[in-house]
Amino acid sequence: MILALDVGTTGLKATLFSATGELLADSRRGYTTQRSEIGAAEQDPRAWWRAACGAVRALSSTVADMPSRVEAVALAGMMNGCALVDGRGRPVHHALIHADTRSSQILEDLQSAIEPGQAYRLTGCHLAPYFTLAKLAWLRRTLPDVMTRARWCIQSKDYLVGRLTGVWGVTDPSDASLTGLYDVVAGRWHAGLLSAAGIEPRLMPDIHPSCEVIGHVTTPASRAMGLREGTPVVLGGGDGACATAGAGACRPGDAYHYLGGTSWIAVVTDRYEPDPHARTSHLVGLSPTQHVNYGTVQSAGTSIEWFL
């Protein structure tokens, strides 16, 4: 079996699949978003890990011999956030998730340091508070001590990768592509954008293919989650890239609509083509040759959560 872990906006889902892709069982555990002030949307990365352990153990209690039958673990998670960890993977601050918009306070300064049109052409991302670039710039200004203690800025699924394998400071092209700091054509972090935003390059994780076995389940992770020690862990991708594959949108011209905590409409292309009018955003798919143009709203399912 294959175990997939997806870090969502409101909870984590653990899902078991057969080798042929048949859904066998799933389990979900929720966590909270802290909204301490207008625009704030923070989560504790350790809550993601606790939810993952709880969901996987719940599956183990219902699926016979699950630990011995799981041949690989794969990750997915919400994108364009900012989880700062130290060199041992310990969070130095709550993660700013995609919905955190406090960096809108400094957008005018960012736009004077970075030409918005050039940034969009390089990255496919706007100079907007939803993306990691703006979040890091805001943290540098408001919480410089946190930035000093941080070793890496990673995304939600990358945190679980570290807890599972002990491998820290890694991400994949799909998650990199929604930071606003990734040169889509060159396939690397853009030094000029980092410098203009005042972000230290050391914070940016190494980029590995989404389908790479990035490590194996460690002894501590095995004890916490109940998985077999040494189980391969596949790095995986951001939820937008995984949703593209899950929707069956694999060929240029394929389109789909996603509705969850956020919502978007997307179309697949085989090359990077930024919108001349900068109306859409862009992400890299699970295959580095797959590109996805999309238009999104941040408050879909989260609006229902807020109302309730």
C-alpha atoms as a PDB file:
ATOM      1  CA  MET A   1       0.000   0.000   0.000  1.00  0.00           C
ATOM      2  CA  ILE A   2       0.933   3.649  -0.385  1.00  0.00           C
ATOM      3  CA  LEU A   3       0.264   6.105   2.437  1.00  0.00           C
ATOM      4  CA  ALA A   4      -0.412   9.721   1.442  1.00  0.00           C
ATOM      5  CA  LEU A   5      -0.331  12.544   3.984  1.00  0.00           C
ATOM      6  CA  ASP A   6      -1.924  15.860   3.019  1.00  0.00           C
ATOM      7  CA  VAL A   7      -1.496  18.962   5.200  1.00  0.00           C
ATOM      8  CA  GLY A   8      -4.672  20.935   4.539  1.00  0.00           C
ATOM      9  CA  THR A   9      -5.792  24.343   5.735  1.00  0.00           C
ATOM     10  CA  THR A  10      -8.120  22.972   8.411  1.00  0.00           C
ATOM     11  CA  GLY A  11      -6.766  19.475   9.001  1.00  0.00           C
ATOM     12  CA  LEU A  12      -4.516  16.635   7.935  1.00  0.00           C
ATOM     13  CA  LYS A  13      -5.777  13.667   5.953  1.00  0.00           C
ATOM     14  CA  ALA A  14      -3.999  10.306   5.873  1.00  0.00           C
ATOM     15  CA  THR A  15      -5.107   8.115   2.962  1.00  0.00           C
ATOM     16  CA  LEU A  16      -4.181   4.550   2.013  1.00  0.00           C
ATOM     17  CA  PHE A  17      -4.064   3.510  -1.628  1.00  0.00           C
ATOM     18  CA  SER A  18      -3.446   0.184  -3.289  1.00  0.00           C
ATOM     19  CA  ALA A  19      -0.591  -0.188  -5.772  1.00  0.00           C
ATOM     20  CA  THR A  20      -3.152   0.309  -8.567  1.00  0.00           C
ATOM     21  CA  GLY A  21      -4.514   3.545  -7.092  1.00  0.00           C
ATOM     22  CA  GLU A  22      -7.622   2.209  -5.366  1.00  0.00           C
ATOM     23  CA  LEU A  23      -8.591   4.205  -2.272  1.00  0.00           C
ATOM     24  CA  LEU A  24      -8.605   1.792   0.669  1.00  0.00           C
ATOM     25  CA  ALA A  25      -9.122   3.929   3.775  1.00  0.00           C
ATOM     26  CA  ASP A  26      -8.603   7.421   5.114  1.00  0.00           C
ATOM     27  CA  SER A  27      -8.532   9.294   8.384  1.00  0.00           C
ATOM     28  CA  ARG A  28      -8.514  12.979   9.284  1.00  0.00           C
ATOM     29  CA  ARG A  29      -7.395  15.050  12.243  1.00  0.00           C
ATOM     30  CA  GLY A  30      -8.016  18.784  12.544  1.00  0.00           C
ATOM     31  CA  TYR A  31      -6.062  21.712  13.977  1.00  0.00           C
ATOM     32  CA  THR A  32      -6.726  25.383  14.547  1.00  0.00           C
ATOM     33  CA  THR A  33      -5.658  28.574  12.824  1.00  0.00           C
ATOM     34  CA  GLN A  34      -4.687  31.417  15.141  1.00  0.00           C
ATOM     35  CA  ARG A  35      -6.009  34.819  14.051  1.00  0.00           C
ATOM     36  CA  SER A  36      -4.591  37.132  16.716  1.00  0.00           C
ATOM     37  CA  GLU A  37      -5.042  40.305  14.663  1.00  0.00           C
ATOM     38  CA  ILE A  38      -6.523  41.457  11.368  1.00  0.00           C
ATOM     39  CA  GLY A  39      -4.800  39.601   8.540  1.00  0.00           C
ATOM     40  CA  ALA A  40      -3.135  37.006  10.766  1.00  0.00           C
ATOM     41  CA  ALA A  41      -3.386  33.283   9.928  1.00  0.00           C
ATOM     42  CA  GLU A  42      -0.871  31.179  11.838  1.00  0.00           C
ATOM     43  CA  GLN A  43      -0.596  27.485  12.650  1.00  0.00           C
ATOM     44  CA  ASP A  44       1.774  25.527  14.861  1.00  0.00           C
ATOM     45  CA  PRO A  45       3.764  23.087  12.673  1.00  0.00           C
ATOM     46  CA  ARG A  46       3.925  20.711  15.626  1.00  0.00           C
ATOM     47  CA  ALA A  47       0.122  20.459  15.381  1.00  0.00           C
ATOM     48  CA  TRP A  48       0.555  19.194  11.811  1.00  0.00           C
ATOM     49  CA  TRP A  49       2.808  16.423  13.133  1.00  0.00           C
ATOM     50  CA  ARG A  50       0.462  15.510  15.983  1.00  0.00           C
ATOM     51  CA  ALA A  51      -2.432  15.339  13.519  1.00  0.00           C
ATOM     52  CA  ALA A  52      -0.390  13.133  11.166  1.00  0.00           C
ATOM     53  CA  CYS A  53       0.506  10.733  13.972  1.00  0.00           C
ATOM     54  CA  GLY A  54      -3.108  10.564  15.154  1.00  0.00           C
ATOM     55  CA  ALA A  55      -4.512  10.003  11.669  1.00  0.00           C
ATOM     56  CA  VAL A  56      -1.994   7.277  10.795  1.00  0.00           C
ATOM     57  CA  ARG A  57      -2.505   5.452  14.083  1.00  0.00           C
ATOM     58  CA  ALA A  58      -6.259   5.563  13.489  1.00  0.00           C
ATOM     59  CA  LEU A  59      -5.698   3.858  10.124  1.00  0.00           C
ATOM     60  CA  SER A  60      -3.470   1.258  11.757  1.00  0.00           C
ATOM     61  CA  SER A  61      -6.267   0.361  14.147  1.00  0.00           C
ATOM     62  CA  THR A  62      -8.652  -0.405  11.283  1.00  0.00           C
ATOM     63  CA  VAL A  63      -6.373  -1.843   8.555  1.00  0.00           C
ATOM     64  CA  ALA A  64      -4.760  -5.186   9.355  1.00  0.00           C
ATOM     65  CA  ASP A  65      -0.939  -5.256   9.323  1.00  0.00           C
ATOM     66  CA  MET A  66      -0.814  -1.752   7.876  1.00  0.00           C
ATOM     67  CA  PRO A  67       2.759  -0.837   8.947  1.00  0.00           C
ATOM     68  CA  SER A  68       4.243  -3.895   7.260  1.00  0.00           C
ATOM     69  CA  ARG A  69       2.156  -3.379   4.107  1.00  0.00           C
ATOM     70  CA  VAL A  70       2.953   0.308   3.524  1.00  0.00           C
ATOM     71  CA  GLU A  71       5.739   0.395   0.954  1.00  0.00           C
ATOM     72  CA  ALA A  72       6.064   4.177   0.694  1.00  0.00           C
ATOM     73  CA  VAL A  73       4.828   7.431   2.212  1.00  0.00           C
ATOM     74  CA  ALA A  74       4.139  10.452  -0.016  1.00  0.00           C
ATOM     75  CA  LEU A  75       3.458  14.036   1.014  1.00  0.00           C
ATOM     76  CA  ALA A  76       1.265  16.927  -0.103  1.00  0.00           C
ATOM     77  CA  GLY A  77       0.402  20.170   1.628  1.00  0.00           C
ATOM     78  CA  MET A  78      -0.888  23.722   1.478  1.00  0.00           C
ATOM     79  CA  MET A  79       1.405  26.082  -0.394  1.00  0.00           C
ATOM     80  CA  ASN A  80       2.886  29.619  -0.359  1.00  0.00           C
ATOM     81  CA  GLY A  81       3.276  29.669   3.414  1.00  0.00           C
ATOM     82  CA  CYS A  82       6.267  30.330   5.625  1.00  0.00           C
ATOM     83  CA  ALA A  83       7.360  27.823   8.280  1.00  0.00           C
ATOM     84  CA  LEU A  84      10.630  28.907   9.903  1.00  0.00           C
ATOM     85  CA  VAL A  85      12.670  26.188  11.626  1.00  0.00           C
ATOM     86  CA  ASP A  86      16.136  26.049  13.148  1.00  0.00           C
ATOM     87  CA  GLY A  87      18.929  23.707  12.085  1.00  0.00           C
ATOM     88  CA  ARG A  88      17.330  20.792  13.963  1.00  0.00           C
ATOM     89  CA  GLY A  89      13.895  21.387  12.479  1.00  0.00           C
ATOM     90  CA  ARG A  90      12.406  23.023  15.558  1.00  0.00           C
ATOM     91  CA  PRO A  91       9.898  25.787  14.758  1.00  0.00           C
ATOM     92  CA  VAL A  92      11.138  29.231  15.802  1.00  0.00           C
ATOM     93  CA  HIS A  93       7.700  30.761  15.223  1.00  0.00           C
ATOM     94  CA  HIS A  94       4.234  29.647  14.239  1.00  0.00           C
ATOM     95  CA  ALA A  95       3.937  29.097  10.481  1.00  0.00           C
ATOM     96  CA  LEU A  96       2.322  31.869   8.463  1.00  0.00           C
ATOM     97  CA  ILE A  97      -0.062  29.999   6.173  1.00  0.00           C
ATOM     98  CA  HIS A  98      -1.216  31.145   2.722  1.00  0.00           C
ATOM     99  CA  ALA A  99      -4.133  33.136   4.160  1.00  0.00           C
ATOM    100  CA  ASP A 100      -1.911  35.411   6.283  1.00  0.00           C
ATOM    101  CA  THR A 101      -2.067  38.878   4.674  1.00  0.00           C
ATOM    102  CA  ARG A 102      -0.267  41.066   7.213  1.00  0.00           C
ATOM    103  CA  SER A 103       2.522  41.625   4.702  1.00  0.00           C
ATOM    104  CA  SER A 104       0.105  43.878   2.783  1.00  0.00           C
ATOM    105  CA  GLN A 105       1.372  46.541   5.209  1.00  0.00           C
ATOM    106  CA  ILE A 106       4.758  46.596   3.443  1.00  0.00           C
ATOM    107  CA  LEU A 107       3.720  45.968  -0.168  1.00  0.00           C
ATOM    108  CA  GLU A 108       4.365  49.578  -1.152  1.00  0.00           C
ATOM    109  CA  ASP A 109       7.956  49.290   0.075  1.00  0.00           C
ATOM    110  CA  LEU A 110       8.407  45.969  -1.714  1.00  0.00           C
ATOM    111  CA  GLN A 111       7.075  47.409  -4.951  1.00  0.00           C
ATOM    112  CA  SER A 112       9.600  50.233  -4.756  1.00  0.00           C
ATOM    113  CA  ALA A 113      12.445  47.726  -4.302  1.00  0.00           C
ATOM    114  CA  ILE A 114      11.178  45.131  -6.804  1.00  0.00           C
ATOM    115  CA  GLU A 115       9.564  46.015 -10.117  1.00  0.00           C
ATOM    116  CA  PRO A 116       6.255  44.070  -9.997  1.00  0.00           C
ATOM    117  CA  GLY A 117       6.189  43.306 -13.713  1.00  0.00           C
ATOM    118  CA  GLN A 118       9.701  41.864 -13.656  1.00  0.00           C
ATOM    119  CA  ALA A 119       8.932  39.776 -10.567  1.00  0.00           C
ATOM    120  CA  TYR A 120       5.829  38.357 -12.264  1.00  0.00           C
ATOM    121  CA  ARG A 121       7.689  37.543 -15.484  1.00  0.00           C
ATOM    122  CA  LEU A 122      10.426  35.723 -13.548  1.00  0.00           C
ATOM    123  CA  THR A 123       8.261  33.792 -11.097  1.00  0.00           C
ATOM    124  CA  GLY A 124       4.658  33.759 -12.337  1.00  0.00           C
ATOM    125  CA  CYS A 125       3.672  35.162  -8.924  1.00  0.00           C
ATOM    126  CA  HIS A 126       2.439  38.647  -8.137  1.00  0.00           C
ATOM    127  CA  LEU A 127       3.897  40.872  -5.435  1.00  0.00           C
ATOM    128  CA  ALA A 128       1.039  39.979  -3.118  1.00  0.00           C
ATOM    129  CA  PRO A 129       0.719  39.149   0.597  1.00  0.00           C
ATOM    130  CA  TYR A 130      -0.302  35.552  -0.162  1.00  0.00           C
ATOM    131  CA  PHE A 131       3.178  34.558  -1.353  1.00  0.00           C
ATOM    132  CA  THR A 132       6.212  33.612   0.732  1.00  0.00           C
ATOM    133  CA  LEU A 133       8.388  36.494  -0.482  1.00  0.00           C
ATOM    134  CA  ALA A 134       6.117  39.086   1.135  1.00  0.00           C
ATOM    135  CA  LYS A 135       5.712  37.026   4.311  1.00  0.00           C
ATOM    136  CA  LEU A 136       9.484  36.740   4.765  1.00  0.00           C
ATOM    137  CA  ALA A 137       9.960  40.462   4.153  1.00  0.00           C
ATOM    138  CA  TRP A 138       7.271  41.243   6.744  1.00  0.00           C
ATOM    139  CA  LEU A 139       8.846  38.896   9.301  1.00  0.00           C
ATOM    140  CA  ARG A 140      12.266  40.445   8.704  1.00  0.00           C
ATOM    141  CA  ARG A 141      10.830  43.854   9.535  1.00  0.00           C
ATOM    142  CA  THR A 142       8.555  42.939  12.454  1.00  0.00           C
ATOM    143  CA  LEU A 143      10.328  39.954  14.060  1.00  0.00           C
ATOM    144  CA  PRO A 144      14.047  40.224  13.226  1.00  0.00           C
ATOM    145  CA  ASP A 145      15.032  38.024  16.183  1.00  0.00           C
ATOM    146  CA  VAL A 146      12.925  35.192  14.744  1.00  0.00           C
ATOM    147  CA  MET A 147      14.653  35.538  11.394  1.00  0.00           C
ATOM    148  CA  THR A 148      18.042  35.414  13.109  1.00  0.00           C
ATOM    149  CA  ARG A 149      17.177  32.112  14.820  1.00  0.00           C
ATOM    150  CA  ALA A 150      15.728  30.554  11.658  1.00  0.00           C
ATOM    151  CA  ARG A 151      17.791  28.237   9.480  1.00  0.00           C
ATOM    152  CA  TRP A 152      15.237  27.364   6.811  1.00  0.00           C
ATOM    153  CA  CYS A 153      11.950  28.628   5.442  1.00  0.00           C
ATOM    154  CA  ILE A 154       9.997  25.550   4.377  1.00  0.00           C
ATOM    155  CA  GLN A 155       6.455  24.627   3.377  1.00  0.00           C
ATOM    156  CA  SER A 156       3.941  22.478   5.235  1.00  0.00           C
ATOM    157  CA  LYS A 157       4.720  19.138   3.577  1.00  0.00           C
ATOM    158  CA  ASP A 158       8.464  19.817   3.960  1.00  0.00           C
ATOM    159  CA  TYR A 159       8.016  20.012   7.726  1.00  0.00           C
ATOM    160  CA  LEU A 160       6.452  16.541   7.778  1.00  0.00           C
ATOM    161  CA  VAL A 161       9.287  15.279   5.558  1.00  0.00           C
ATOM    162  CA  GLY A 162      11.757  16.483   8.169  1.00  0.00           C
ATOM    163  CA  ARG A 163       9.857  14.911  11.060  1.00  0.00           C
ATOM    164  CA  LEU A 164       9.565  11.608   9.193  1.00  0.00           C
ATOM    165  CA  THR A 165      13.123  11.342   7.856  1.00  0.00           C
ATOM    166  CA  GLY A 166      15.359  13.789   9.724  1.00  0.00           C
ATOM    167  CA  VAL A 167      16.119  15.445   6.357  1.00  0.00           C
ATOM    168  CA  TRP A 168      15.600  19.187   6.739  1.00  0.00           C
ATOM    169  CA  GLY A 169      15.924  22.116   4.369  1.00  0.00           C
ATOM    170  CA  VAL A 170      14.410  20.508   1.262  1.00  0.00           C
ATOM    171  CA  THR A 171      11.462  21.306  -0.983  1.00  0.00           C
ATOM    172  CA  ASP A 172      10.293  20.522  -4.526  1.00  0.00           C
ATOM    173  CA  PRO A 173       9.764  22.720  -7.616  1.00  0.00           C
ATOM    174  CA  SER A 174       5.993  22.926  -7.169  1.00  0.00           C
ATOM    175  CA  ASP A 175       6.219  24.409  -3.671  1.00  0.00           C
ATOM    176  CA  ALA A 176       9.165  26.568  -4.715  1.00  0.00           C
ATOM    177  CA  SER A 177       7.117  27.980  -7.588  1.00  0.00           C
ATOM    178  CA  LEU A 178       4.532  29.577  -5.264  1.00  0.00           C
ATOM    179  CA  THR A 179       7.011  31.420  -3.059  1.00  0.00           C
ATOM    180  CA  GLY A 180       7.507  34.355  -5.427  1.00  0.00           C
ATOM    181  CA  LEU A 181      11.265  33.725  -5.235  1.00  0.00           C
ATOM    182  CA  TYR A 182      11.693  30.900  -7.748  1.00  0.00           C
ATOM    183  CA  ASP A 183      12.998  31.599 -11.244  1.00  0.00           C
ATOM    184  CA  VAL A 184      10.720  29.311 -13.232  1.00  0.00           C
ATOM    185  CA  VAL A 185      12.847  29.254 -16.371  1.00  0.00           C
ATOM    186  CA  ALA A 186      16.206  28.774 -14.616  1.00  0.00           C
ATOM    187  CA  GLY A 187      14.762  26.343 -12.045  1.00  0.00           C
ATOM    188  CA  ARG A 188      16.429  27.940  -9.004  1.00  0.00           C
ATOM    189  CA  TRP A 189      15.995  30.619  -6.371  1.00  0.00           C
ATOM    190  CA  HIS A 190      16.434  34.074  -7.864  1.00  0.00           C
ATOM    191  CA  ALA A 191      19.334  35.849  -6.142  1.00  0.00           C
ATOM    192  CA  GLY A 192      18.213  39.304  -7.274  1.00  0.00           C
ATOM    193  CA  LEU A 193      14.728  38.929  -5.780  1.00  0.00           C
ATOM    194  CA  LEU A 194      16.138  37.598  -2.516  1.00  0.00           C
ATOM    195  CA  SER A 195      18.514  40.529  -2.281  1.00  0.00           C
ATOM    196  CA  ALA A 196      15.885  43.136  -3.156  1.00  0.00           C
ATOM    197  CA  ALA A 197      13.516  41.753  -0.506  1.00  0.00           C
ATOM    198  CA  GLY A 198      16.305  41.600   2.091  1.00  0.00           C
ATOM    199  CA  ILE A 199      16.000  37.813   2.484  1.00  0.00           C
ATOM    200  CA  GLU A 200      19.118  35.815   3.298  1.00  0.00           C
ATOM    201  CA  PRO A 201      19.711  33.079   0.677  1.00  0.00           C
ATOM    202  CA  ARG A 202      20.653  30.630   3.459  1.00  0.00           C
ATOM    203  CA  LEU A 203      16.971  30.441   4.415  1.00  0.00           C
ATOM    204  CA  MET A 204      15.940  28.871   1.122  1.00  0.00           C
ATOM    205  CA  PRO A 205      15.805  25.047   1.051  1.00  0.00           C
ATOM    206  CA  ASP A 206      17.449  22.792  -1.520  1.00  0.00           C
ATOM    207  CA  ILE A 207      15.139  21.884  -4.411  1.00  0.00           C
ATOM    208  CA  HIS A 208      14.639  18.190  -5.264  1.00  0.00           C
ATOM    209  CA  PRO A 209      12.274  16.444  -7.715  1.00  0.00           C
ATOM    210  CA  SER A 210       8.783  15.817  -6.367  1.00  0.00           C
ATOM    211  CA  CYS A 211       9.032  12.066  -7.007  1.00  0.00           C
ATOM    212  CA  GLU A 212      12.400  11.617  -5.273  1.00  0.00           C
ATOM    213  CA  VAL A 213      12.732   9.263  -2.307  1.00  0.00           C
ATOM    214  CA  ILE A 214      14.112  11.940   0.002  1.00  0.00           C
ATOM    215  CA  GLY A 215      14.696   9.684   2.990  1.00  0.00           C
ATOM    216  CA  HIS A 216      13.306   6.912   5.165  1.00  0.00           C
ATOM    217  CA  VAL A 217      11.191   6.755   8.306  1.00  0.00           C
ATOM    218  CA  THR A 218      13.483   7.170  11.316  1.00  0.00           C
ATOM    219  CA  THR A 219      13.274   5.321  14.620  1.00  0.00           C
ATOM    220  CA  PRO A 220      11.674   8.282  16.477  1.00  0.00           C
ATOM    221  CA  ALA A 221       9.149   8.796  13.680  1.00  0.00           C
ATOM    222  CA  SER A 222       8.357   5.082  13.634  1.00  0.00           C
ATOM    223  CA  ARG A 223       7.621   5.140  17.348  1.00  0.00           C
ATOM    224  CA  ALA A 224       5.471   8.282  17.101  1.00  0.00           C
ATOM    225  CA  MET A 225       3.449   7.305  14.054  1.00  0.00           C
ATOM    226  CA  GLY A 226       3.477   3.514  14.137  1.00  0.00           C
ATOM    227  CA  LEU A 227       5.036   3.091  10.692  1.00  0.00           C
ATOM    228  CA  ARG A 228       7.775   0.587   9.909  1.00  0.00           C
ATOM    229  CA  GLU A 229      11.240   2.036  10.404  1.00  0.00           C
ATOM    230  CA  GLY A 230      13.031   2.452   7.080  1.00  0.00           C
ATOM    231  CA  THR A 231       9.851   2.940   5.015  1.00  0.00           C
ATOM    232  CA  PRO A 232      10.736   5.121   1.978  1.00  0.00           C
ATOM    233  CA  VAL A 233       9.413   8.679   2.047  1.00  0.00           C
ATOM    234  CA  VAL A 234       8.721  10.440  -1.259  1.00  0.00           C
ATOM    235  CA  LEU A 235       9.134  14.226  -1.099  1.00  0.00           C
ATOM    236  CA  GLY A 236       5.839  14.924  -2.874  1.00  0.00           C
ATOM    237  CA  GLY A 237       4.491  18.316  -3.892  1.00  0.00           C
ATOM    238  CA  GLY A 238       2.324  21.249  -3.046  1.00  0.00           C
ATOM    239  CA  ASP A 239      -1.398  20.614  -2.908  1.00  0.00           C
ATOM    240  CA  GLY A 240      -2.019  22.588  -6.106  1.00  0.00           C
ATOM    241  CA  ALA A 241       0.344  20.378  -8.090  1.00  0.00           C
ATOM    242  CA  CYS A 242      -1.060  17.226  -6.473  1.00  0.00           C
ATOM    243  CA  ALA A 243      -4.632  18.368  -7.160  1.00  0.00           C
ATOM    244  CA  THR A 244      -3.701  18.843 -10.812  1.00  0.00           C
ATOM    245  CA  ALA A 245      -2.543  15.215 -11.016  1.00  0.00           C
ATOM    246  CA  GLY A 246      -5.465  14.006  -8.931  1.00  0.00           C
ATOM    247  CA  ALA A 247      -7.941  15.721 -11.238  1.00  0.00           C
ATOM    248  CA  GLY A 248      -6.415  13.852 -14.167  1.00  0.00           C
ATOM    249  CA  ALA A 249      -5.237  17.114 -15.749  1.00  0.00           C
ATOM    250  CA  CYS A 250      -2.054  15.835 -17.376  1.00  0.00           C
ATOM    251  CA  ARG A 251      -2.096  17.077 -20.967  1.00  0.00           C
ATOM    252  CA  PRO A 252      -1.732  20.637 -22.280  1.00  0.00           C
ATOM    253  CA  GLY A 253      -5.170  22.210 -22.427  1.00  0.00           C
ATOM    254  CA  ASP A 254      -6.658  20.092 -19.624  1.00  0.00           C
ATOM    255  CA  ALA A 255      -8.502  22.248 -17.080  1.00  0.00           C
ATOM    256  CA  TYR A 256     -10.147  21.675 -13.704  1.00  0.00           C
ATOM    257  CA  HIS A 257     -11.737  23.446 -10.728  1.00  0.00           C
ATOM    258  CA  TYR A 258     -10.616  22.844  -7.136  1.00  0.00           C
ATOM    259  CA  LEU A 259     -12.805  23.711  -4.152  1.00  0.00           C
ATOM    260  CA  GLY A 260     -11.446  23.427  -0.614  1.00  0.00           C
ATOM    261  CA  GLY A 261     -10.172  25.865   2.000  1.00  0.00           C
ATOM    262  CA  THR A 262      -9.197  27.921  -1.030  1.00  0.00           C
ATOM    263  CA  SER A 263     -10.521  27.607  -4.582  1.00  0.00           C
ATOM    264  CA  TRP A 264      -8.995  27.891  -8.030  1.00  0.00           C
ATOM    265  CA  ILE A 265      -9.564  27.199 -11.714  1.00  0.00           C
ATOM    266  CA  ALA A 266      -6.473  25.955 -13.581  1.00  0.00           C
ATOM    267  CA  VAL A 267      -5.296  24.938 -17.034  1.00  0.00           C
ATOM    268  CA  VAL A 268      -2.236  22.810 -17.861  1.00  0.00           C
ATOM    269  CA  THR A 269       0.436  23.894 -20.354  1.00  0.00           C
ATOM    270  CA  ASP A 270       3.749  22.372 -21.438  1.00  0.00           C
ATOM    271  CA  ARG A 271       5.780  25.580 -21.124  1.00  0.00           C
ATOM    272  CA  TYR A 272       5.969  28.679 -18.980  1.00  0.00           C
ATOM    273  CA  GLU A 273       3.825  31.434 -20.466  1.00  0.00           C
ATOM    274  CA  PRO A 274       3.118  34.285 -18.052  1.00  0.00           C
ATOM    275  CA  ASP A 275      -0.095  36.159 -18.766  1.00  0.00           C
ATOM    276  CA  PRO A 276       0.760  39.418 -20.622  1.00  0.00           C
ATOM    277  CA  HIS A 277      -1.835  41.173 -18.448  1.00  0.00           C
ATOM    278  CA  ALA A 278      -0.676  39.480 -15.206  1.00  0.00           C
ATOM    279  CA  ARG A 279      -4.206  38.263 -14.398  1.00  0.00           C
ATOM    280  CA  THR A 280      -3.302  34.683 -13.446  1.00  0.00           C
ATOM    281  CA  SER A 281      -0.658  32.988 -11.334  1.00  0.00           C
ATOM    282  CA  HIS A 282       1.554  30.044 -12.213  1.00  0.00           C
ATOM    283  CA  LEU A 283       2.820  26.884 -10.561  1.00  0.00           C
ATOM    284  CA  VAL A 284       5.087  24.056 -11.624  1.00  0.00           C
ATOM    285  CA  GLY A 285       3.501  20.603 -11.671  1.00  0.00           C
ATOM    286  CA  LEU A 286       4.803  17.383 -10.150  1.00  0.00           C
ATOM    287  CA  SER A 287       6.705  16.888 -13.397  1.00  0.00           C
ATOM    288  CA  PRO A 288       9.158  19.770 -13.975  1.00  0.00           C
ATOM    289  CA  THR A 289       7.959  19.990 -17.591  1.00  0.00           C
ATOM    290  CA  GLN A 290       4.331  20.572 -16.545  1.00  0.00           C
ATOM    291  CA  HIS A 291       3.113  24.110 -15.949  1.00  0.00           C
ATOM    292  CA  VAL A 292      -0.215  25.235 -14.534  1.00  0.00           C
ATOM    293  CA  ASN A 293      -1.845  28.652 -14.955  1.00  0.00           C
ATOM    294  CA  TYR A 294      -4.567  29.375 -12.434  1.00  0.00           C
ATOM    295  CA  GLY A 295      -6.821  32.001 -10.923  1.00  0.00           C
ATOM    296  CA  THR A 296      -7.624  31.666  -7.234  1.00  0.00           C
ATOM    297  CA  VAL A 297      -9.555  32.991  -4.249  1.00  0.00           C
ATOM    298  CA  GLN A 298      -8.187  32.511  -0.744  1.00  0.00           C
ATOM    299  CA  SER A 299     -11.503  32.392   1.121  1.00  0.00           C
ATOM    300  CA  ALA A 300     -13.653  29.496  -0.088  1.00  0.00           C
ATOM    301  CA  GLY A 301     -14.087  26.770   2.529  1.00  0.00           C
ATOM    302  CA  THR A 302     -12.349  29.002   5.072  1.00  0.00           C
ATOM    303  CA  SER A 303     -15.290  31.412   4.759  1.00  0.00           C
ATOM    304  CA  ILE A 304     -17.599  28.659   6.005  1.00  0.00           C
ATOM    305  CA  GLU A 305     -15.198  27.895   8.877  1.00  0.00           C
ATOM    306  CA  TRP A 306     -15.141  31.599   9.819  1.00  0.00           C
ATOM    307  CA  PHE A 307     -18.936  31.832   9.681  1.00  0.00           C
ATOM    308  CA  LEU A 308     -19.400  28.783  11.890  1.00  0.00           C
END
